[in-house]
Amino acid sequence: MSGLQDKVVIVTGGARGIGAAVAARMARDGATVVVTDLLDEQGAKTASEIRGLFLRHDVTSEDGWKSVVEATVERYGRVDGLVNNAGIAAGTPLESETLEQFERVLKVNLTGVFLGLKAVIEAMRTAGGGSIVNIASISGLIGLPGVSGYGASKWGVRGLTKIAATELGRHRIRVNAVNPGVIYTPMTMERNAQLGEGNFPPAPLGRIGVPEEIGEAVSFLISDAASYMTGAEITVDGGWTSGQAMTTQHPDTTGGTAPDPGVQVNSL
């Protein structure tokens, strides 16, 4: 992948799963990557493996965002890219989801993206431009049952992506989104996701995805190869939302018991 050499990119929720795969892909493509997460040990390990920097980071904190951007600029002199990947999931039917759960998911998944967008504008403007990728979800493309807070947050991320793209284009800052389908991560493993052909019939390709496939899409959008793309979305879901009939029951890979609302994990 061309266009990432010498770029400095922040990846939130980068300790494991999709975030770690994104960080690794961009590092191989020449970027210097700052991994942020609440998972200290895993985050430090991921950053060490790609010769990057790990910073502990709560994406719901405006001061936390300020510290991350300042530390990145102090260490590397600039910020060229941001991947808003950090998120939490809740797989609870609407009637059962509590206000606390709903608001917590929105705070991490949507407010966290909002704060990230705001936090990097000045640094990117100073650098002469930049590229931001927000990790949304197929839950923000269709009305999947059992994920009211999560789905609402991802619909919001898609809208915020387009609004930011229209506002920031004049500063040469591009803003795009990636919509993953069911991806094999620690989060989906807890919901019985299985790799291999034929293990996910709802997708025309017949399988779930792997984090590296999301990493490829994100690295492209961050890079100069996507220099005329902003306000766009790439859906990486094996064709699940391509138009075939959807099941009425949410798949086990994204439903079931929600994780602790205080645990920050990777987005689906």
Protein backbone atom coordinates (compact mmCIF):
# COMPACT_ATOMS: atom_id res chain seq x y z
CA MET A 1 0.00 0.00 0.00
CA SER A 2 1.45 3.35 -1.03
CA GLY A 3 0.89 6.64 0.73
CA LEU A 4 1.52 5.73 4.39
CA GLN A 5 5.28 6.22 4.55
CA ASP A 6 6.23 8.72 7.28
CA LYS A 7 2.61 9.21 8.38
CA VAL A 8 1.75 9.24 12.09
CA VAL A 9 -1.56 7.56 12.87
CA ILE A 10 -3.49 7.14 16.14
CA VAL A 11 -5.56 3.96 16.49
CA THR A 12 -7.99 3.79 19.41
CA GLY A 13 -8.96 0.43 20.86
CA GLY A 14 -5.78 -0.84 19.27
CA ALA A 15 -4.79 -3.43 21.85
CA ARG A 16 -6.49 -6.40 20.23
CA GLY A 17 -8.94 -7.56 17.58
CA ILE A 18 -9.74 -5.17 14.76
CA GLY A 19 -7.71 -2.33 16.27
CA ALA A 20 -4.55 -4.43 16.57
CA ALA A 21 -4.94 -5.70 13.00
CA VAL A 22 -5.42 -2.14 11.73
CA ALA A 23 -2.33 -0.97 13.61
CA ALA A 24 -0.22 -3.84 12.28
CA ARG A 25 -1.37 -3.35 8.67
CA MET A 26 -0.56 0.36 8.69
CA ALA A 27 2.80 -0.22 10.35
CA ARG A 28 3.69 -2.69 7.58
CA ASP A 29 2.61 -0.07 5.07
CA GLY A 30 5.08 2.42 6.53
CA ALA A 31 3.11 4.38 9.13
CA THR A 32 4.19 5.18 12.66
CA VAL A 33 1.30 4.04 14.84
CA VAL A 34 0.17 5.24 18.25
CA VAL A 35 -1.94 2.53 19.88
CA THR A 36 -4.41 3.66 22.54
CA ASP A 37 -6.60 1.53 24.78
CA LEU A 38 -7.64 0.81 28.35
CA LEU A 39 -6.02 -2.64 28.13
CA ASP A 40 -2.54 -1.72 29.29
CA GLU A 41 -0.71 -5.02 28.96
CA GLN A 42 -2.18 -5.99 25.60
CA GLY A 43 -1.85 -2.45 24.28
CA ALA A 44 1.82 -2.21 25.22
CA LYS A 45 2.47 -5.62 23.61
CA THR A 46 0.75 -4.65 20.37
CA ALA A 47 2.63 -1.34 20.19
CA SER A 48 5.95 -3.06 20.91
CA GLU A 49 5.40 -5.60 18.13
CA ILE A 50 4.91 -2.84 15.54
CA ARG A 51 7.53 -0.52 17.03
CA GLY A 52 4.89 2.04 17.89
CA LEU A 53 3.82 3.90 21.01
CA PHE A 54 1.17 2.83 23.50
CA LEU A 55 -0.90 5.36 25.44
CA ARG A 56 -3.59 4.53 27.99
CA HIS A 57 -6.73 6.28 26.81
CA ASP A 58 -10.37 6.63 27.78
CA VAL A 59 -12.10 7.83 24.60
CA THR A 60 -14.99 9.32 26.60
CA SER A 61 -12.67 11.85 28.24
CA GLU A 62 -12.04 15.15 26.46
CA ASP A 63 -8.93 15.67 28.59
CA GLY A 64 -7.81 12.18 27.68
CA TRP A 65 -8.04 13.01 23.99
CA LYS A 66 -6.09 16.21 24.52
CA SER A 67 -3.33 14.29 26.28
CA VAL A 68 -3.11 11.66 23.53
CA VAL A 69 -2.84 14.22 20.75
CA GLU A 70 -0.32 16.32 22.68
CA ALA A 71 1.81 13.25 23.48
CA THR A 72 1.75 12.17 19.84
CA VAL A 73 2.80 15.58 18.57
CA GLU A 74 5.49 15.86 21.23
CA ARG A 75 6.90 12.44 20.30
CA TYR A 76 6.54 12.50 16.51
CA GLY A 77 5.89 16.13 15.60
CA ARG A 78 2.57 15.63 13.84
CA VAL A 79 -0.71 13.73 13.49
CA ASP A 80 -1.62 12.58 9.98
CA GLY A 81 -4.25 9.97 10.67
CA LEU A 82 -6.82 8.80 13.19
CA VAL A 83 -8.73 5.52 13.34
CA ASN A 84 -11.70 5.78 15.70
CA ASN A 85 -12.03 2.07 16.46
CA ALA A 86 -12.64 1.82 20.22
CA GLY A 87 -16.11 0.73 21.20
CA ILE A 88 -18.25 -1.44 23.40
CA ALA A 89 -21.10 -3.76 22.46
CA ALA A 90 -24.41 -4.52 24.07
CA GLY A 91 -26.57 -7.34 22.75
CA THR A 92 -29.77 -6.77 24.69
CA PRO A 93 -33.35 -6.54 23.34
CA LEU A 94 -34.83 -3.05 23.48
CA GLU A 95 -37.28 -3.94 26.23
CA SER A 96 -34.47 -5.31 28.42
CA GLU A 97 -31.79 -2.72 27.77
CA THR A 98 -31.37 -0.32 30.66
CA LEU A 99 -30.93 3.42 30.30
CA GLU A 100 -27.49 3.06 31.87
CA GLN A 101 -26.43 0.50 29.26
CA PHE A 102 -27.85 2.53 26.38
CA GLU A 103 -26.17 5.76 27.46
CA ARG A 104 -22.84 4.03 28.17
CA VAL A 105 -22.72 2.51 24.68
CA LEU A 106 -23.52 5.86 23.06
CA LYS A 107 -20.93 7.61 25.22
CA VAL A 108 -18.12 5.31 24.12
CA ASN A 109 -19.12 4.53 20.55
CA LEU A 110 -20.51 7.89 19.42
CA THR A 111 -19.35 10.58 21.83
CA GLY A 112 -15.88 9.01 21.75
CA VAL A 113 -15.77 9.45 17.97
CA PHE A 114 -17.05 13.03 18.26
CA LEU A 115 -14.31 13.88 20.76
CA GLY A 116 -11.68 12.23 18.60
CA LEU A 117 -12.70 14.20 15.53
CA LYS A 118 -12.52 17.47 17.45
CA ALA A 119 -9.24 16.61 19.12
CA VAL A 120 -7.19 16.06 15.95
CA ILE A 121 -8.45 18.93 13.79
CA GLU A 122 -5.86 21.50 14.80
CA ALA A 123 -2.93 19.07 14.63
CA MET A 124 -3.99 17.85 11.19
CA ARG A 125 -4.61 21.37 9.94
CA THR A 126 -1.10 22.31 11.07
CA ALA A 127 0.28 19.27 9.24
CA GLY A 128 -1.43 20.39 6.04
CA GLY A 129 -4.23 17.83 6.15
CA GLY A 130 -5.01 14.35 7.34
CA SER A 131 -7.22 11.30 7.11
CA ILE A 132 -9.71 9.95 9.63
CA VAL A 133 -11.46 6.57 9.50
CA ASN A 134 -14.37 5.83 11.80
CA ILE A 135 -15.21 2.19 12.43
CA ALA A 136 -18.97 1.95 12.13
CA SER A 137 -20.80 -1.36 11.61
CA ILE A 138 -23.41 -3.18 9.57
CA SER A 139 -25.53 -2.53 12.69
CA GLY A 140 -25.61 1.04 11.40
CA LEU A 141 -26.80 -0.03 7.96
CA ILE A 142 -29.85 -2.12 8.78
CA GLY A 143 -32.19 -2.60 11.72
CA LEU A 144 -30.70 -5.60 13.47
CA PRO A 145 -32.76 -6.76 16.46
CA GLY A 146 -31.20 -7.03 19.89
CA VAL A 147 -28.66 -4.20 19.65
CA SER A 148 -30.62 -0.99 20.18
CA GLY A 149 -27.86 1.06 21.81
CA TYR A 150 -25.07 -0.37 19.68
CA GLY A 151 -27.04 0.04 16.46
CA ALA A 152 -28.06 3.58 17.35
CA SER A 153 -24.44 4.48 18.06
CA LYS A 154 -23.25 3.12 14.73
CA TRP A 155 -25.98 4.88 12.75
CA GLY A 156 -24.76 8.01 14.52
CA VAL A 157 -21.13 7.32 13.60
CA ARG A 158 -22.09 7.06 9.94
CA GLY A 159 -23.92 10.39 10.06
CA LEU A 160 -21.14 12.10 11.97
CA THR A 161 -18.65 10.83 9.40
CA LYS A 162 -20.48 12.57 6.57
CA ILE A 163 -20.96 15.80 8.53
CA ALA A 164 -17.28 15.92 9.47
CA ALA A 165 -16.28 15.22 5.86
CA THR A 166 -18.28 18.21 4.61
CA GLU A 167 -16.89 20.53 7.27
CA LEU A 168 -13.24 19.47 7.24
CA GLY A 169 -12.62 19.06 3.53
CA ARG A 170 -11.50 22.67 3.22
CA HIS A 171 -8.67 21.83 5.62
CA ARG A 172 -7.64 18.86 3.46
CA ILE A 173 -8.86 16.50 6.16
CA ARG A 174 -10.66 13.47 4.79
CA VAL A 175 -13.20 11.54 6.90
CA ASN A 176 -14.46 8.10 5.86
CA ALA A 177 -16.02 5.05 7.52
CA VAL A 178 -15.68 1.28 7.42
CA ASN A 179 -18.65 -0.96 8.21
CA PRO A 180 -17.44 -4.37 9.39
CA GLY A 181 -19.75 -7.34 9.38
CA VAL A 182 -19.25 -10.22 11.80
CA ILE A 183 -15.50 -10.34 12.40
CA TYR A 184 -13.58 -12.95 14.41
CA THR A 185 -12.46 -10.97 17.47
CA PRO A 186 -12.35 -11.65 21.23
CA MET A 187 -15.79 -10.06 21.43
CA THR A 188 -17.44 -12.29 18.81
CA MET A 189 -15.60 -15.37 20.07
CA GLU A 190 -17.61 -14.96 23.27
CA ARG A 191 -20.72 -15.33 21.09
CA ASN A 192 -19.66 -18.59 19.45
CA ALA A 193 -18.33 -17.14 16.21
CA GLN A 194 -16.44 -19.78 14.23
CA LEU A 195 -13.97 -19.39 11.42
CA GLY A 196 -14.16 -21.41 8.24
CA GLU A 197 -16.18 -21.82 5.08
CA GLY A 198 -19.85 -22.57 5.65
CA ASN A 199 -19.91 -21.36 9.25
CA PHE A 200 -21.91 -18.21 8.51
CA PRO A 201 -24.62 -18.92 5.90
CA PRO A 202 -26.23 -15.42 6.04
CA ALA A 203 -23.20 -14.00 4.19
CA PRO A 204 -22.95 -14.88 0.48
CA LEU A 205 -19.27 -15.70 1.04
CA GLY A 206 -20.39 -18.20 3.68
CA ARG A 207 -18.00 -17.21 6.44
CA ILE A 208 -17.23 -14.53 8.98
CA GLY A 209 -14.35 -12.15 8.42
CA VAL A 210 -11.00 -11.78 10.11
CA PRO A 211 -9.57 -8.54 11.55
CA GLU A 212 -6.88 -8.35 8.90
CA GLU A 213 -9.56 -7.86 6.24
CA ILE A 214 -10.75 -4.74 8.05
CA GLY A 215 -7.14 -3.61 8.39
CA GLU A 216 -6.73 -3.66 4.62
CA ALA A 217 -9.74 -1.39 4.08
CA VAL A 218 -8.72 1.04 6.81
CA SER A 219 -5.12 1.28 5.63
CA PHE A 220 -6.34 2.11 2.13
CA LEU A 221 -8.64 4.89 3.37
CA ILE A 222 -5.95 6.42 5.57
CA SER A 223 -3.42 6.34 2.75
CA ASP A 224 -2.88 8.78 -0.10
CA ALA A 225 -4.24 6.12 -2.45
CA ALA A 226 -7.70 7.27 -1.28
CA SER A 227 -6.88 10.95 -1.74
CA TYR A 228 -10.19 11.75 -3.48
CA MET A 229 -12.38 9.86 -1.03
CA THR A 230 -14.16 11.62 1.81
CA GLY A 231 -17.58 11.09 3.32
CA ALA A 232 -17.47 7.58 1.87
CA GLU A 233 -18.06 4.15 3.41
CA ILE A 234 -16.61 0.74 2.73
CA THR A 235 -18.66 -2.23 3.92
CA VAL A 236 -16.66 -5.38 4.67
CA ASP A 237 -19.25 -8.01 5.54
CA GLY A 238 -18.94 -10.88 3.09
CA GLY A 239 -21.97 -9.54 1.27
CA TRP A 240 -24.34 -10.01 4.20
CA THR A 241 -26.08 -6.65 3.66
CA SER A 242 -25.96 -6.81 -0.13
CA GLY A 243 -29.70 -7.31 -0.42
CA GLN A 244 -30.44 -10.95 0.35
CA ALA A 245 -33.21 -11.75 2.81
CA MET A 246 -32.17 -11.09 6.40
CA THR A 247 -33.02 -13.50 9.17
CA THR A 248 -35.50 -12.21 11.74
CA GLN A 249 -33.29 -13.32 14.61
CA HIS A 250 -30.03 -11.60 15.34
CA PRO A 251 -27.11 -14.04 14.94
CA ASP A 252 -25.47 -15.40 18.06
CA THR A 253 -22.20 -13.76 17.05
CA THR A 254 -23.53 -10.32 17.91
CA GLY A 255 -26.39 -11.07 20.27
CA GLY A 256 -26.56 -12.65 23.69
CA THR A 257 -25.41 -11.23 26.97
CA ALA A 258 -23.78 -7.86 26.78
CA PRO A 259 -20.28 -7.40 28.20
CA ASP A 260 -19.69 -5.24 31.24
CA PRO A 261 -20.60 -1.70 30.09
CA GLY A 262 -17.36 -0.46 31.62
CA VAL A 263 -15.15 -2.66 29.44
CA GLN A 264 -13.82 -1.08 26.28
CA VAL A 265 -13.58 -3.54 23.42
CA ASN A 266 -13.28 -3.50 19.65
CA SER A 267 -16.16 -2.66 17.40
CA LEU A 268 -17.91 -5.34 15.38
